[in-house]
């Protein structure tokens, strides 16, 4: 299993637990707000939970605001993770 697959499954696991969501409904095309029923307060909680889970800061507010689907979220986290690796 690749680290990208690990990241994806961990995101689904953490968000499903935090927001009481069905992991089966959290495919890449699922929209955070319409399909999963998250709101703007949930989005803030999501950032906090993901920062704690992955040990990285999510400070790019413009990129965060552009996240609409699970795939957007996965790609954002993958990019952050690769940037973090490059810093080392």
N, C-alpha and C. Protein backbone atom coordinates (compact mmCIF):
# COMPACT_ATOMS: atom_id res chain seq x y z
N UNK A 1 0.85 -1.19 0.00
CA UNK A 1 0.00 0.00 0.00
C UNK A 1 0.89 1.24 0.00
N UNK A 2 0.61 2.19 -0.88
CA UNK A 2 1.42 3.40 -0.97
C UNK A 2 1.07 4.36 0.15
N UNK A 3 1.96 5.31 0.37
CA UNK A 3 1.69 6.30 1.41
C UNK A 3 0.48 7.15 1.03
N UNK A 4 0.25 7.33 -0.27
CA UNK A 4 -0.93 8.08 -0.71
C UNK A 4 -2.21 7.32 -0.35
N UNK A 5 -2.21 6.00 -0.54
CA UNK A 5 -3.37 5.19 -0.15
C UNK A 5 -3.56 5.22 1.36
N UNK A 6 -2.45 5.17 2.09
CA UNK A 6 -2.51 5.25 3.55
C UNK A 6 -3.14 6.56 3.99
N UNK A 7 -2.69 7.65 3.36
CA UNK A 7 -3.23 8.97 3.70
C UNK A 7 -4.73 9.02 3.44
N UNK A 8 -5.14 8.54 2.27
CA UNK A 8 -6.56 8.56 1.93
C UNK A 8 -7.39 7.77 2.94
N UNK A 9 -6.94 6.58 3.29
CA UNK A 9 -7.74 5.77 4.22
C UNK A 9 -7.74 6.39 5.62
N UNK A 10 -6.63 7.01 6.02
CA UNK A 10 -6.58 7.66 7.33
C UNK A 10 -7.51 8.87 7.38
N UNK A 11 -7.55 9.65 6.32
CA UNK A 11 -8.45 10.81 6.25
C UNK A 11 -9.90 10.34 6.39
N UNK A 12 -10.26 9.32 5.64
CA UNK A 12 -11.63 8.79 5.71
C UNK A 12 -11.94 8.30 7.12
N UNK A 13 -11.00 7.55 7.69
CA UNK A 13 -11.20 7.00 9.04
C UNK A 13 -11.40 8.12 10.07
N UNK A 14 -10.54 9.11 10.04
CA UNK A 14 -10.58 10.19 11.03
C UNK A 14 -11.85 11.04 10.88
N UNK A 15 -12.18 11.39 9.64
CA UNK A 15 -13.37 12.23 9.42
C UNK A 15 -14.65 11.46 9.69
N UNK A 16 -14.68 10.19 9.35
CA UNK A 16 -15.87 9.37 9.63
C UNK A 16 -16.12 9.33 11.13
N UNK A 17 -15.05 9.17 11.91
CA UNK A 17 -15.20 9.12 13.35
C UNK A 17 -15.59 10.49 13.93
N UNK A 18 -14.91 11.53 13.49
CA UNK A 18 -15.14 12.88 14.02
C UNK A 18 -16.55 13.38 13.74
N UNK A 19 -17.05 13.14 12.53
CA UNK A 19 -18.34 13.70 12.11
C UNK A 19 -19.44 12.65 11.98
N UNK A 20 -19.17 11.43 12.45
CA UNK A 20 -20.15 10.35 12.40
C UNK A 20 -20.68 10.14 10.99
N UNK A 21 -19.73 10.00 10.05
CA UNK A 21 -20.07 9.79 8.65
C UNK A 21 -19.86 8.34 8.27
N UNK A 22 -20.54 7.93 7.21
CA UNK A 22 -20.38 6.58 6.68
C UNK A 22 -19.19 6.58 5.72
N UNK A 23 -18.14 5.82 6.03
CA UNK A 23 -16.96 5.79 5.14
C UNK A 23 -17.31 5.41 3.71
N UNK A 24 -18.37 4.60 3.53
CA UNK A 24 -18.77 4.19 2.18
C UNK A 24 -19.24 5.38 1.34
N UNK A 25 -19.69 6.45 2.00
CA UNK A 25 -20.18 7.63 1.28
C UNK A 25 -19.06 8.65 1.04
N UNK A 26 -17.85 8.33 1.47
CA UNK A 26 -16.77 9.30 1.42
C UNK A 26 -15.78 9.04 0.29
N UNK A 27 -16.32 8.69 -0.88
CA UNK A 27 -15.47 8.46 -2.04
C UNK A 27 -14.87 9.76 -2.54
N UNK A 28 -13.93 9.69 -3.46
CA UNK A 28 -13.24 10.89 -3.95
C UNK A 28 -14.18 11.96 -4.50
N UNK A 29 -15.30 11.54 -5.10
CA UNK A 29 -16.21 12.51 -5.72
C UNK A 29 -17.21 13.12 -4.72
N UNK A 30 -17.26 12.62 -3.49
CA UNK A 30 -18.22 13.12 -2.50
C UNK A 30 -17.89 14.57 -2.14
N UNK A 31 -18.91 15.42 -2.20
CA UNK A 31 -18.70 16.82 -1.81
C UNK A 31 -18.83 16.94 -0.30
N UNK A 32 -17.98 17.77 0.28
CA UNK A 32 -17.96 17.91 1.74
C UNK A 32 -19.25 18.52 2.26
N UNK A 33 -19.77 19.52 1.56
CA UNK A 33 -20.91 20.26 2.08
C UNK A 33 -22.25 19.64 1.67
N UNK A 34 -22.39 19.32 0.39
CA UNK A 34 -23.68 18.77 -0.06
C UNK A 34 -23.83 17.30 0.32
N UNK A 35 -22.89 16.46 -0.10
CA UNK A 35 -23.02 15.02 0.11
C UNK A 35 -22.81 14.61 1.57
N UNK A 36 -21.81 15.20 2.21
CA UNK A 36 -21.48 14.77 3.57
C UNK A 36 -22.12 15.64 4.64
N UNK A 37 -22.72 16.76 4.24
CA UNK A 37 -23.48 17.58 5.17
C UNK A 37 -22.65 18.40 6.14
N UNK A 38 -21.39 18.66 5.80
CA UNK A 38 -20.56 19.49 6.68
C UNK A 38 -20.92 20.96 6.46
N UNK A 39 -20.69 21.76 7.50
CA UNK A 39 -20.90 23.20 7.37
C UNK A 39 -19.59 23.92 7.67
N UNK A 40 -19.62 25.25 7.71
CA UNK A 40 -18.38 26.01 7.87
C UNK A 40 -17.71 25.75 9.22
N UNK A 41 -18.49 25.53 10.26
CA UNK A 41 -17.89 25.20 11.56
C UNK A 41 -17.24 23.83 11.52
N UNK A 42 -17.87 22.89 10.83
CA UNK A 42 -17.28 21.56 10.66
C UNK A 42 -15.96 21.66 9.89
N UNK A 43 -15.91 22.58 8.93
CA UNK A 43 -14.67 22.74 8.15
C UNK A 43 -13.52 23.16 9.05
N UNK A 44 -13.79 24.04 10.01
CA UNK A 44 -12.75 24.45 10.96
C UNK A 44 -12.33 23.26 11.81
N UNK A 45 -13.31 22.51 12.31
CA UNK A 45 -13.00 21.30 13.10
C UNK A 45 -12.20 20.29 12.28
N UNK A 46 -12.56 20.16 11.01
CA UNK A 46 -11.87 19.22 10.13
C UNK A 46 -10.39 19.59 10.02
N UNK A 47 -10.10 20.87 9.84
CA UNK A 47 -8.71 21.32 9.74
C UNK A 47 -7.95 20.97 11.02
N UNK A 48 -8.55 21.25 12.18
CA UNK A 48 -7.90 20.97 13.46
C UNK A 48 -7.61 19.47 13.60
N UNK A 49 -8.60 18.64 13.31
CA UNK A 49 -8.44 17.19 13.43
C UNK A 49 -7.36 16.68 12.48
N UNK A 50 -7.36 17.17 11.25
CA UNK A 50 -6.37 16.71 10.27
C UNK A 50 -4.97 17.20 10.63
N UNK A 51 -4.86 18.42 11.16
CA UNK A 51 -3.55 18.92 11.59
C UNK A 51 -2.98 18.04 12.70
N UNK A 52 -3.83 17.68 13.66
CA UNK A 52 -3.38 16.82 14.75
C UNK A 52 -3.01 15.43 14.24
N UNK A 53 -3.83 14.89 13.36
CA UNK A 53 -3.61 13.54 12.85
C UNK A 53 -2.31 13.42 12.07
N UNK A 54 -2.04 14.40 11.21
CA UNK A 54 -0.89 14.31 10.31
C UNK A 54 0.30 15.15 10.77
N UNK A 55 0.14 15.90 11.85
CA UNK A 55 1.25 16.67 12.38
C UNK A 55 1.76 17.74 11.43
N UNK A 56 0.84 18.37 10.69
CA UNK A 56 1.26 19.46 9.80
C UNK A 56 0.26 20.59 9.87
N UNK A 57 0.75 21.79 9.65
CA UNK A 57 -0.10 22.98 9.69
C UNK A 57 -0.75 23.18 8.32
N UNK A 58 -2.03 23.53 8.36
CA UNK A 58 -2.77 23.80 7.13
C UNK A 58 -3.06 25.30 7.12
N UNK A 59 -2.12 26.08 6.58
CA UNK A 59 -2.21 27.53 6.67
C UNK A 59 -2.61 28.21 5.36
N UNK A 60 -2.67 27.47 4.28
CA UNK A 60 -3.02 28.05 2.98
C UNK A 60 -4.54 28.21 2.90
N UNK A 61 -5.01 29.36 3.40
CA UNK A 61 -6.47 29.57 3.49
C UNK A 61 -7.15 29.57 2.13
N UNK A 62 -6.49 30.10 1.13
CA UNK A 62 -7.07 30.12 -0.21
C UNK A 62 -7.29 28.70 -0.71
N UNK A 63 -6.28 27.85 -0.53
CA UNK A 63 -6.40 26.45 -0.95
C UNK A 63 -7.47 25.74 -0.14
N UNK A 64 -7.52 26.01 1.17
CA UNK A 64 -8.54 25.37 2.01
C UNK A 64 -9.95 25.75 1.56
N UNK A 65 -10.14 27.02 1.22
CA UNK A 65 -11.47 27.46 0.77
C UNK A 65 -11.88 26.83 -0.56
N UNK A 66 -10.88 26.40 -1.36
CA UNK A 66 -11.20 25.84 -2.67
C UNK A 66 -11.55 24.35 -2.59
N UNK A 67 -11.39 23.74 -1.43
CA UNK A 67 -11.67 22.31 -1.28
C UNK A 67 -13.18 22.08 -1.26
N UNK A 68 -13.64 21.31 -2.21
CA UNK A 68 -15.08 21.02 -2.32
C UNK A 68 -15.38 19.52 -2.17
N UNK A 69 -14.46 18.69 -2.63
CA UNK A 69 -14.70 17.25 -2.63
C UNK A 69 -13.65 16.54 -1.78
N UNK A 70 -13.88 15.28 -1.51
CA UNK A 70 -12.90 14.48 -0.80
C UNK A 70 -11.60 14.42 -1.61
N UNK A 71 -11.70 14.31 -2.93
CA UNK A 71 -10.50 14.27 -3.77
C UNK A 71 -9.70 15.57 -3.63
N UNK A 72 -10.39 16.72 -3.59
CA UNK A 72 -9.70 17.99 -3.37
C UNK A 72 -8.92 17.94 -2.05
N UNK A 73 -9.57 17.41 -1.04
CA UNK A 73 -8.94 17.31 0.28
C UNK A 73 -7.74 16.38 0.23
N UNK A 74 -7.90 15.21 -0.40
CA UNK A 74 -6.79 14.27 -0.53
C UNK A 74 -5.59 14.93 -1.22
N UNK A 75 -5.85 15.59 -2.34
CA UNK A 75 -4.77 16.21 -3.11
C UNK A 75 -4.08 17.32 -2.33
N UNK A 76 -4.86 18.10 -1.59
CA UNK A 76 -4.30 19.14 -0.74
C UNK A 76 -3.35 18.55 0.31
N UNK A 77 -3.80 17.48 0.97
CA UNK A 77 -2.97 16.85 2.00
C UNK A 77 -1.74 16.17 1.42
N UNK A 78 -1.89 15.55 0.26
CA UNK A 78 -0.75 14.91 -0.40
C UNK A 78 0.30 15.97 -0.75
N UNK A 79 -0.17 17.12 -1.26
CA UNK A 79 0.76 18.21 -1.59
C UNK A 79 1.47 18.71 -0.34
N UNK A 80 0.71 18.92 0.74
CA UNK A 80 1.31 19.36 2.00
C UNK A 80 2.34 18.37 2.51
N UNK A 81 1.99 17.10 2.43
CA UNK A 81 2.89 16.06 2.91
C UNK A 81 4.19 16.05 2.10
N UNK A 82 4.10 16.21 0.79
CA UNK A 82 5.31 16.19 -0.03
C UNK A 82 6.14 17.45 0.22
N UNK A 83 5.49 18.60 0.45
CA UNK A 83 6.23 19.82 0.79
C UNK A 83 6.95 19.67 2.11
N UNK A 84 6.30 19.02 3.05
CA UNK A 84 6.90 18.80 4.37
C UNK A 84 8.15 17.91 4.24
N UNK A 85 8.06 16.87 3.39
CA UNK A 85 9.20 15.98 3.16
C UNK A 85 10.37 16.71 2.54
N UNK A 86 10.07 17.64 1.63
CA UNK A 86 11.13 18.41 0.95
C UNK A 86 11.87 19.33 1.92
N UNK A 87 11.16 19.79 2.95
CA UNK A 87 11.78 20.69 3.92
C UNK A 87 12.84 19.98 4.76
N UNK A 88 12.69 18.67 4.90
CA UNK A 88 13.61 17.92 5.76
C UNK A 88 14.97 17.76 5.13
